[in-house]
Amino acid sequence: MEDYKREFIEFMVQSNVLKFGDFTLKSGRKSPFFMNAGAYVTGEQLHKLGLYYARAIHDNFGLDFDVVFGPCLQGHSPFGNHRNGHQ
């Protein structure tokens, strides 16, 4: 696993977005983990999330694309901070 993927998992845990335990999902299924993207609540968290998304997109597709579509997380797009620049 690439370092940035491991760092992303750690970031999700530190942000209380990814939790491990014994969870019952709305569907009634059991899960050993639960992810709640609504727990990203600060600008810095959204900035970091955008950086991780940008890295994953770049590693998988390079620069050969024109548009990125994706869901908003609690009304915030993780791409909004990075749509016009590279880091």
C-alpha atoms as a PDB file:
ATOM      1  CA  MET A   1       0.000   0.000   0.000  1.00  0.00           C
ATOM      2  CA  GLU A   2       1.308   3.452  -0.919  1.00  0.00           C
ATOM      3  CA  ASP A   3       2.283   5.731   1.970  1.00  0.00           C
ATOM      4  CA  TYR A   4      -0.368   8.337   1.121  1.00  0.00           C
ATOM      5  CA  LYS A   5      -3.102   5.687   1.367  1.00  0.00           C
ATOM      6  CA  ARG A   6      -1.914   4.661   4.825  1.00  0.00           C
ATOM      7  CA  GLU A   7      -1.691   8.346   5.826  1.00  0.00           C
ATOM      8  CA  PHE A   8      -5.246   8.886   4.517  1.00  0.00           C
ATOM      9  CA  ILE A   9      -6.576   6.080   6.717  1.00  0.00           C
ATOM     10  CA  GLU A  10      -4.779   7.576   9.729  1.00  0.00           C
ATOM     11  CA  PHE A  11      -6.194  11.007   8.830  1.00  0.00           C
ATOM     12  CA  MET A  12      -9.737   9.586   8.719  1.00  0.00           C
ATOM     13  CA  VAL A  13      -9.274   7.986  12.151  1.00  0.00           C
ATOM     14  CA  GLN A  14      -7.792  11.182  13.639  1.00  0.00           C
ATOM     15  CA  SER A  15     -10.703  13.177  12.187  1.00  0.00           C
ATOM     16  CA  ASN A  16     -13.233  10.761  13.763  1.00  0.00           C
ATOM     17  CA  VAL A  17     -14.495   9.937  10.276  1.00  0.00           C
ATOM     18  CA  LEU A  18     -13.425   6.280  10.357  1.00  0.00           C
ATOM     19  CA  LYS A  19     -14.181   4.266  13.463  1.00  0.00           C
ATOM     20  CA  PHE A  20     -13.517   0.619  14.228  1.00  0.00           C
ATOM     21  CA  GLY A  21     -15.706  -1.527  16.447  1.00  0.00           C
ATOM     22  CA  ASP A  22     -18.978  -3.455  16.211  1.00  0.00           C
ATOM     23  CA  PHE A  23     -21.524  -1.450  14.222  1.00  0.00           C
ATOM     24  CA  THR A  24     -25.011  -2.218  12.974  1.00  0.00           C
ATOM     25  CA  LEU A  25     -25.690  -0.331   9.752  1.00  0.00           C
ATOM     26  CA  LYS A  26     -29.060   1.106   8.720  1.00  0.00           C
ATOM     27  CA  SER A  27     -29.480  -1.945   6.500  1.00  0.00           C
ATOM     28  CA  GLY A  28     -29.185  -4.145   9.585  1.00  0.00           C
ATOM     29  CA  ARG A  29     -25.876  -5.602   8.451  1.00  0.00           C
ATOM     30  CA  LYS A  30     -22.977  -5.808  10.903  1.00  0.00           C
ATOM     31  CA  SER A  31     -19.700  -4.059  10.115  1.00  0.00           C
ATOM     32  CA  PRO A  32     -16.302  -3.887  11.864  1.00  0.00           C
ATOM     33  CA  PHE A  33     -15.922  -0.249  10.785  1.00  0.00           C
ATOM     34  CA  PHE A  34     -18.049   2.838  10.157  1.00  0.00           C
ATOM     35  CA  MET A  35     -17.229   5.874   8.012  1.00  0.00           C
ATOM     36  CA  ASN A  36     -19.063   9.182   8.447  1.00  0.00           C
ATOM     37  CA  ALA A  37     -17.785  11.813   5.993  1.00  0.00           C
ATOM     38  CA  GLY A  38     -19.968  14.371   7.788  1.00  0.00           C
ATOM     39  CA  ALA A  39     -17.340  14.395  10.540  1.00  0.00           C
ATOM     40  CA  TYR A  40     -15.023  16.468   8.347  1.00  0.00           C
ATOM     41  CA  VAL A  41     -15.877  19.799   9.953  1.00  0.00           C
ATOM     42  CA  THR A  42     -12.897  22.124   9.597  1.00  0.00           C
ATOM     43  CA  GLY A  43     -11.462  23.899   6.610  1.00  0.00           C
ATOM     44  CA  GLU A  44      -8.116  22.221   7.213  1.00  0.00           C
ATOM     45  CA  GLN A  45      -9.734  18.778   7.171  1.00  0.00           C
ATOM     46  CA  LEU A  46     -11.457  19.574   3.866  1.00  0.00           C
ATOM     47  CA  HIS A  47      -8.179  20.914   2.475  1.00  0.00           C
ATOM     48  CA  LYS A  48      -6.351  17.709   3.421  1.00  0.00           C
ATOM     49  CA  LEU A  49      -9.183  15.608   2.023  1.00  0.00           C
ATOM     50  CA  GLY A  50      -8.857  17.478  -1.280  1.00  0.00           C
ATOM     51  CA  LEU A  51      -5.119  16.792  -1.333  1.00  0.00           C
ATOM     52  CA  TYR A  52      -5.662  13.060  -0.788  1.00  0.00           C
ATOM     53  CA  TYR A  53      -8.328  12.941  -3.509  1.00  0.00           C
ATOM     54  CA  ALA A  54      -6.043  14.853  -5.903  1.00  0.00           C
ATOM     55  CA  ARG A  55      -3.167  12.454  -5.223  1.00  0.00           C
ATOM     56  CA  ALA A  56      -5.352   9.396  -5.809  1.00  0.00           C
ATOM     57  CA  ILE A  57      -6.792  10.851  -9.018  1.00  0.00           C
ATOM     58  CA  HIS A  58      -3.351  11.808 -10.288  1.00  0.00           C
ATOM     59  CA  ASP A  59      -1.884   8.391  -9.481  1.00  0.00           C
ATOM     60  CA  ASN A  60      -4.731   6.614 -11.268  1.00  0.00           C
ATOM     61  CA  PHE A  61      -5.358   8.926 -14.240  1.00  0.00           C
ATOM     62  CA  GLY A  62      -2.400  11.297 -14.499  1.00  0.00           C
ATOM     63  CA  LEU A  63      -3.398  14.616 -16.033  1.00  0.00           C
ATOM     64  CA  ASP A  64      -5.441  13.082 -18.849  1.00  0.00           C
ATOM     65  CA  PHE A  65      -8.922  14.346 -17.872  1.00  0.00           C
ATOM     66  CA  ASP A  66     -10.950  17.516 -18.184  1.00  0.00           C
ATOM     67  CA  VAL A  67     -13.661  17.262 -15.516  1.00  0.00           C
ATOM     68  CA  VAL A  68     -14.049  15.613 -12.110  1.00  0.00           C
ATOM     69  CA  PHE A  69     -17.514  14.704 -10.850  1.00  0.00           C
ATOM     70  CA  GLY A  70     -18.221  13.570  -7.319  1.00  0.00           C
ATOM     71  CA  PRO A  71     -20.573  13.875  -4.374  1.00  0.00           C
ATOM     72  CA  CYS A  72     -20.542  16.780  -1.982  1.00  0.00           C
ATOM     73  CA  LEU A  73     -19.825  15.872   1.633  1.00  0.00           C
ATOM     74  CA  GLN A  74     -22.272  17.756   3.858  1.00  0.00           C
ATOM     75  CA  GLY A  75     -22.490  20.437   1.187  1.00  0.00           C
ATOM     76  CA  HIS A  76     -18.714  20.696   0.669  1.00  0.00           C
ATOM     77  CA  SER A  77     -16.840  19.458  -2.360  1.00  0.00           C
ATOM     78  CA  PRO A  78     -13.380  18.041  -1.548  1.00  0.00           C
ATOM     79  CA  PHE A  79     -12.315  19.176  -5.034  1.00  0.00           C
ATOM     80  CA  GLY A  80     -13.229  22.820  -4.545  1.00  0.00           C
ATOM     81  CA  ASN A  81      -9.899  23.768  -2.989  1.00  0.00           C
ATOM     82  CA  HIS A  82      -7.821  22.200  -5.746  1.00  0.00           C
ATOM     83  CA  ARG A  83      -9.719  22.561  -8.985  1.00  0.00           C
ATOM     84  CA  ASN A  84      -7.466  25.279 -10.443  1.00  0.00           C
ATOM     85  CA  GLY A  85      -4.036  24.357  -9.159  1.00  0.00           C
ATOM     86  CA  HIS A  86      -1.551  21.622  -8.503  1.00  0.00           C
ATOM     87  CA  GLN A  87       0.305  20.793  -5.308  1.00  0.00           C
END
